[in-house]
Amino acid sequence: MQRDAGCTGCDPEGVEALAKQATTVKGAAETLGVSAKWIRRQIAAGLITPPRQGKKQGGRFLLSDADIETLRARATKRRGGQGGAVGETAALARISRLEADRTNLLAQVAWARAIVQEQQKALDAERERSERLMADVAEQRERIEALKALSALDRLRGRHKSI
């Protein structure tokens, strides 16, 4: 049985650096076209020894490319040498996942466009309101200037009421 040297005794920084490059059990299962349970059984059997990120409970195994290749060889051997089926299943799974992602993104774009249209309508309404207010302010200023121009006699005669 081939064992991977792994990095089980590494420092936490090394495990975090590996986490950026490594694949999780779920991702490897999708790539290989096998179940995540089968991969965990292979880890428990000692076929591969990937490092674990986090604590024992709730921790995640971080599979390197070498671990995935070892699992791929084991899955191919298990299926009787039908390597094409593993790759084909993985490719179909990836295609369906990409199509689902595309559909999700298109829905998000449509939602964002609807929000933009609503905001544009609100902006136009506010612009019209501010223009009306500016016109009212200009009219009030003219009235104030006309009132200032009246003399005391004009005010006594009541001419300020017509302005």
C-alpha atoms as a PDB file:
ATOM      1  CA  MET A   1       0.000   0.000   0.000  1.00  0.00           C
ATOM      2  CA  GLN A   2       1.398   3.355  -0.986  1.00  0.00           C
ATOM      3  CA  ARG A   3       1.372   6.062   1.665  1.00  0.00           C
ATOM      4  CA  ASP A   4       1.691   9.741   1.046  1.00  0.00           C
ATOM      5  CA  ALA A   5       4.193  11.506   3.294  1.00  0.00           C
ATOM      6  CA  GLY A   6       1.646  14.274   3.858  1.00  0.00           C
ATOM      7  CA  CYS A   7       2.093  17.120   6.252  1.00  0.00           C
ATOM      8  CA  THR A   8       0.338  15.921   9.394  1.00  0.00           C
ATOM      9  CA  GLY A   9       2.965  17.286  11.734  1.00  0.00           C
ATOM     10  CA  CYS A  10       3.333  20.634   9.977  1.00  0.00           C
ATOM     11  CA  ASP A  11       2.991  23.968  11.646  1.00  0.00           C
ATOM     12  CA  PRO A  12      -0.410  25.736  11.326  1.00  0.00           C
ATOM     13  CA  GLU A  13       0.957  28.267   8.818  1.00  0.00           C
ATOM     14  CA  GLY A  14       2.013  25.412   6.533  1.00  0.00           C
ATOM     15  CA  VAL A  15      -1.436  23.845   6.741  1.00  0.00           C
ATOM     16  CA  GLU A  16      -3.068  27.217   5.947  1.00  0.00           C
ATOM     17  CA  ALA A  17      -0.765  27.664   2.940  1.00  0.00           C
ATOM     18  CA  LEU A  18      -1.649  24.159   1.785  1.00  0.00           C
ATOM     19  CA  ALA A  19      -5.364  24.942   2.259  1.00  0.00           C
ATOM     20  CA  LYS A  20      -5.160  27.576  -0.461  1.00  0.00           C
ATOM     21  CA  GLN A  21      -3.807  25.021  -2.953  1.00  0.00           C
ATOM     22  CA  ALA A  22      -5.500  21.855  -1.686  1.00  0.00           C
ATOM     23  CA  THR A  23      -8.875  20.364  -2.460  1.00  0.00           C
ATOM     24  CA  THR A  24     -11.487  19.326   0.076  1.00  0.00           C
ATOM     25  CA  VAL A  25     -12.972  15.833   0.205  1.00  0.00           C
ATOM     26  CA  LYS A  26     -16.193  17.085  -1.419  1.00  0.00           C
ATOM     27  CA  GLY A  27     -14.304  18.787  -4.266  1.00  0.00           C
ATOM     28  CA  ALA A  28     -12.171  15.700  -4.856  1.00  0.00           C
ATOM     29  CA  ALA A  29     -15.288  13.516  -4.888  1.00  0.00           C
ATOM     30  CA  GLU A  30     -16.855  15.727  -7.571  1.00  0.00           C
ATOM     31  CA  THR A  31     -13.634  15.733  -9.589  1.00  0.00           C
ATOM     32  CA  LEU A  32     -13.181  11.968  -9.428  1.00  0.00           C
ATOM     33  CA  GLY A  33     -16.831  11.041  -9.756  1.00  0.00           C
ATOM     34  CA  VAL A  34     -16.872   9.062  -6.506  1.00  0.00           C
ATOM     35  CA  SER A  35     -18.600   9.624  -3.203  1.00  0.00           C
ATOM     36  CA  ALA A  36     -17.066  11.634  -0.389  1.00  0.00           C
ATOM     37  CA  LYS A  37     -17.722   8.639   1.871  1.00  0.00           C
ATOM     38  CA  TRP A  38     -15.497   6.457  -0.343  1.00  0.00           C
ATOM     39  CA  ILE A  39     -12.677   9.012  -0.088  1.00  0.00           C
ATOM     40  CA  ARG A  40     -13.008   9.133   3.710  1.00  0.00           C
ATOM     41  CA  ARG A  41     -12.834   5.328   3.802  1.00  0.00           C
ATOM     42  CA  GLN A  42      -9.616   5.460   1.777  1.00  0.00           C
ATOM     43  CA  ILE A  43      -8.193   7.984   4.250  1.00  0.00           C
ATOM     44  CA  ALA A  44      -9.241   5.774   7.179  1.00  0.00           C
ATOM     45  CA  ALA A  45      -7.658   2.745   5.470  1.00  0.00           C
ATOM     46  CA  GLY A  46      -4.384   4.656   5.200  1.00  0.00           C
ATOM     47  CA  LEU A  47      -4.159   4.854   1.405  1.00  0.00           C
ATOM     48  CA  ILE A  48      -3.478   8.576   1.732  1.00  0.00           C
ATOM     49  CA  THR A  49      -2.703  10.720   4.768  1.00  0.00           C
ATOM     50  CA  PRO A  50      -3.770  14.269   4.024  1.00  0.00           C
ATOM     51  CA  PRO A  51      -3.351  16.963   6.678  1.00  0.00           C
ATOM     52  CA  ARG A  52      -6.413  18.164   8.508  1.00  0.00           C
ATOM     53  CA  GLN A  53      -7.403  21.795   8.809  1.00  0.00           C
ATOM     54  CA  GLY A  54      -9.090  22.594  12.089  1.00  0.00           C
ATOM     55  CA  LYS A  55      -9.763  20.371  15.062  1.00  0.00           C
ATOM     56  CA  LYS A  56     -10.618  16.665  15.024  1.00  0.00           C
ATOM     57  CA  GLN A  57     -14.347  17.284  15.160  1.00  0.00           C
ATOM     58  CA  GLY A  58     -15.455  19.368  12.203  1.00  0.00           C
ATOM     59  CA  GLY A  59     -11.965  19.491  10.681  1.00  0.00           C
ATOM     60  CA  ARG A  60     -11.474  19.256   6.931  1.00  0.00           C
ATOM     61  CA  PHE A  61      -9.016  17.063   5.098  1.00  0.00           C
ATOM     62  CA  LEU A  62      -6.876  18.943   2.607  1.00  0.00           C
ATOM     63  CA  LEU A  63      -6.090  16.735  -0.377  1.00  0.00           C
ATOM     64  CA  SER A  64      -3.064  17.566  -2.482  1.00  0.00           C
ATOM     65  CA  ASP A  65      -2.759  16.829  -6.194  1.00  0.00           C
ATOM     66  CA  ALA A  66      -0.714  13.707  -5.385  1.00  0.00           C
ATOM     67  CA  ASP A  67      -3.500  12.488  -3.072  1.00  0.00           C
ATOM     68  CA  ILE A  68      -6.076  13.008  -5.810  1.00  0.00           C
ATOM     69  CA  GLU A  69      -3.953  11.125  -8.347  1.00  0.00           C
ATOM     70  CA  THR A  70      -3.571   8.241  -5.877  1.00  0.00           C
ATOM     71  CA  LEU A  71      -7.328   8.165  -5.375  1.00  0.00           C
ATOM     72  CA  ARG A  72      -7.907   8.360  -9.140  1.00  0.00           C
ATOM     73  CA  ALA A  73      -5.658   5.334  -9.688  1.00  0.00           C
ATOM     74  CA  ARG A  74      -7.487   3.442  -6.934  1.00  0.00           C
ATOM     75  CA  ALA A  75     -10.902   4.335  -8.389  1.00  0.00           C
ATOM     76  CA  THR A  76      -9.792   3.270 -11.870  1.00  0.00           C
ATOM     77  CA  LYS A  77      -8.439  -0.007 -10.514  1.00  0.00           C
ATOM     78  CA  ARG A  78     -11.687  -0.564  -8.596  1.00  0.00           C
ATOM     79  CA  ARG A  79     -13.745  -0.086 -11.749  1.00  0.00           C
ATOM     80  CA  GLY A  80     -11.688  -2.604 -13.645  1.00  0.00           C
ATOM     81  CA  GLY A  81      -9.472  -0.192 -15.562  1.00  0.00           C
ATOM     82  CA  GLN A  82     -12.271   1.936 -16.985  1.00  0.00           C
ATOM     83  CA  GLY A  83     -10.453   5.216 -16.501  1.00  0.00           C
ATOM     84  CA  GLY A  84     -12.549   6.976 -19.108  1.00  0.00           C
ATOM     85  CA  ALA A  85     -15.692   6.466 -17.057  1.00  0.00           C
ATOM     86  CA  VAL A  86     -14.189   8.232 -14.072  1.00  0.00           C
ATOM     87  CA  GLY A  87     -13.073  11.202 -16.131  1.00  0.00           C
ATOM     88  CA  GLU A  88     -16.323  11.279 -18.066  1.00  0.00           C
ATOM     89  CA  THR A  89     -18.436  11.247 -14.926  1.00  0.00           C
ATOM     90  CA  ALA A  90     -16.299  13.957 -13.387  1.00  0.00           C
ATOM     91  CA  ALA A  91     -16.528  16.043 -16.556  1.00  0.00           C
ATOM     92  CA  LEU A  92     -20.325  15.691 -16.650  1.00  0.00           C
ATOM     93  CA  ALA A  93     -20.542  16.628 -12.983  1.00  0.00           C
ATOM     94  CA  ARG A  94     -18.387  19.676 -13.587  1.00  0.00           C
ATOM     95  CA  ILE A  95     -20.441  20.710 -16.630  1.00  0.00           C
ATOM     96  CA  SER A  96     -23.684  20.474 -14.689  1.00  0.00           C
ATOM     97  CA  ARG A  97     -22.131  22.464 -11.828  1.00  0.00           C
ATOM     98  CA  LEU A  98     -20.962  25.148 -14.277  1.00  0.00           C
ATOM     99  CA  GLU A  99     -24.406  25.323 -15.866  1.00  0.00           C
ATOM    100  CA  ALA A 100     -25.992  25.728 -12.446  1.00  0.00           C
ATOM    101  CA  ASP A 101     -23.500  28.493 -11.629  1.00  0.00           C
ATOM    102  CA  ARG A 102     -24.250  30.193 -14.943  1.00  0.00           C
ATOM    103  CA  THR A 103     -27.994  30.074 -14.297  1.00  0.00           C
ATOM    104  CA  ASN A 104     -27.441  31.503 -10.828  1.00  0.00           C
ATOM    105  CA  LEU A 105     -25.287  34.319 -12.193  1.00  0.00           C
ATOM    106  CA  LEU A 106     -27.847  35.183 -14.871  1.00  0.00           C
ATOM    107  CA  ALA A 107     -30.540  35.397 -12.192  1.00  0.00           C
ATOM    108  CA  GLN A 108     -28.314  37.682 -10.127  1.00  0.00           C
ATOM    109  CA  VAL A 109     -27.678  39.922 -13.155  1.00  0.00           C
ATOM    110  CA  ALA A 110     -31.411  40.190 -13.864  1.00  0.00           C
ATOM    111  CA  TRP A 111     -32.063  41.039 -10.217  1.00  0.00           C
ATOM    112  CA  ALA A 112     -29.327  43.689 -10.241  1.00  0.00           C
ATOM    113  CA  ARG A 113     -30.733  45.236 -13.428  1.00  0.00           C
ATOM    114  CA  ALA A 114     -34.198  45.460 -11.863  1.00  0.00           C
ATOM    115  CA  ILE A 115     -32.733  47.207  -8.822  1.00  0.00           C
ATOM    116  CA  VAL A 116     -30.826  49.641 -11.041  1.00  0.00           C
ATOM    117  CA  GLN A 117     -34.028  50.497 -12.924  1.00  0.00           C
ATOM    118  CA  GLU A 118     -35.870  51.134  -9.651  1.00  0.00           C
ATOM    119  CA  GLN A 119     -33.059  53.340  -8.407  1.00  0.00           C
ATOM    120  CA  GLN A 120     -32.981  55.238 -11.699  1.00  0.00           C
ATOM    121  CA  LYS A 121     -36.728  55.944 -11.434  1.00  0.00           C
ATOM    122  CA  ALA A 122     -36.282  57.162  -7.861  1.00  0.00           C
ATOM    123  CA  LEU A 123     -33.355  59.345  -8.943  1.00  0.00           C
ATOM    124  CA  ASP A 124     -35.405  60.889 -11.767  1.00  0.00           C
ATOM    125  CA  ALA A 125     -38.286  61.637  -9.375  1.00  0.00           C
ATOM    126  CA  GLU A 126     -35.877  63.285  -6.908  1.00  0.00           C
ATOM    127  CA  ARG A 127     -34.293  65.305  -9.718  1.00  0.00           C
ATOM    128  CA  GLU A 128     -37.713  66.623 -10.801  1.00  0.00           C
ATOM    129  CA  ARG A 129     -38.604  67.430  -7.189  1.00  0.00           C
ATOM    130  CA  SER A 130     -35.354  69.337  -6.662  1.00  0.00           C
ATOM    131  CA  GLU A 131     -35.898  71.301  -9.903  1.00  0.00           C
ATOM    132  CA  ARG A 132     -39.404  72.301  -8.727  1.00  0.00           C
ATOM    133  CA  LEU A 133     -37.986  73.357  -5.370  1.00  0.00           C
ATOM    134  CA  MET A 134     -35.254  75.398  -7.047  1.00  0.00           C
ATOM    135  CA  ALA A 135     -37.895  77.169  -9.159  1.00  0.00           C
ATOM    136  CA  ASP A 136     -39.938  77.903  -6.012  1.00  0.00           C
ATOM    137  CA  VAL A 137     -36.844  79.279  -4.263  1.00  0.00           C
ATOM    138  CA  ALA A 138     -36.059  81.546  -7.229  1.00  0.00           C
ATOM    139  CA  GLU A 139     -39.662  82.810  -7.240  1.00  0.00           C
ATOM    140  CA  GLN A 140     -39.534  83.508  -3.491  1.00  0.00           C
ATOM    141  CA  ARG A 141     -36.250  85.401  -3.883  1.00  0.00           C
ATOM    142  CA  GLU A 142     -37.770  87.618  -6.587  1.00  0.00           C
ATOM    143  CA  ARG A 143     -40.740  88.346  -4.327  1.00  0.00           C
ATOM    144  CA  ILE A 144     -38.443  89.225  -1.418  1.00  0.00           C
ATOM    145  CA  GLU A 145     -36.387  91.589  -3.611  1.00  0.00           C
ATOM    146  CA  ALA A 146     -39.577  93.269  -4.851  1.00  0.00           C
ATOM    147  CA  LEU A 147     -40.746  93.726  -1.246  1.00  0.00           C
ATOM    148  CA  LYS A 148     -37.389  95.194  -0.253  1.00  0.00           C
ATOM    149  CA  ALA A 149     -37.657  97.711  -3.113  1.00  0.00           C
ATOM    150  CA  LEU A 150     -40.973  99.100  -1.835  1.00  0.00           C
ATOM    151  CA  SER A 151     -40.819 102.290   0.104  1.00  0.00           C
ATOM    152  CA  ALA A 152     -42.591 102.868   3.416  1.00  0.00           C
ATOM    153  CA  LEU A 153     -45.317 104.822   1.656  1.00  0.00           C
ATOM    154  CA  ASP A 154     -45.999 101.953  -0.770  1.00  0.00           C
ATOM    155  CA  ARG A 155     -46.275  99.579   2.160  1.00  0.00           C
ATOM    156  CA  LEU A 156     -48.754 101.888   3.867  1.00  0.00           C
ATOM    157  CA  ARG A 157     -50.863 102.027   0.736  1.00  0.00           C
ATOM    158  CA  GLY A 158     -50.975  98.188   0.675  1.00  0.00           C
ATOM    159  CA  ARG A 159     -48.985  97.630  -2.508  1.00  0.00           C
ATOM    160  CA  HIS A 160     -46.999  94.866  -0.785  1.00  0.00           C
ATOM    161  CA  LYS A 161     -50.153  92.686  -0.926  1.00  0.00           C
ATOM    162  CA  SER A 162     -50.091  92.589  -4.710  1.00  0.00           C
ATOM    163  CA  ILE A 163     -46.497  91.384  -4.890  1.00  0.00           C
END
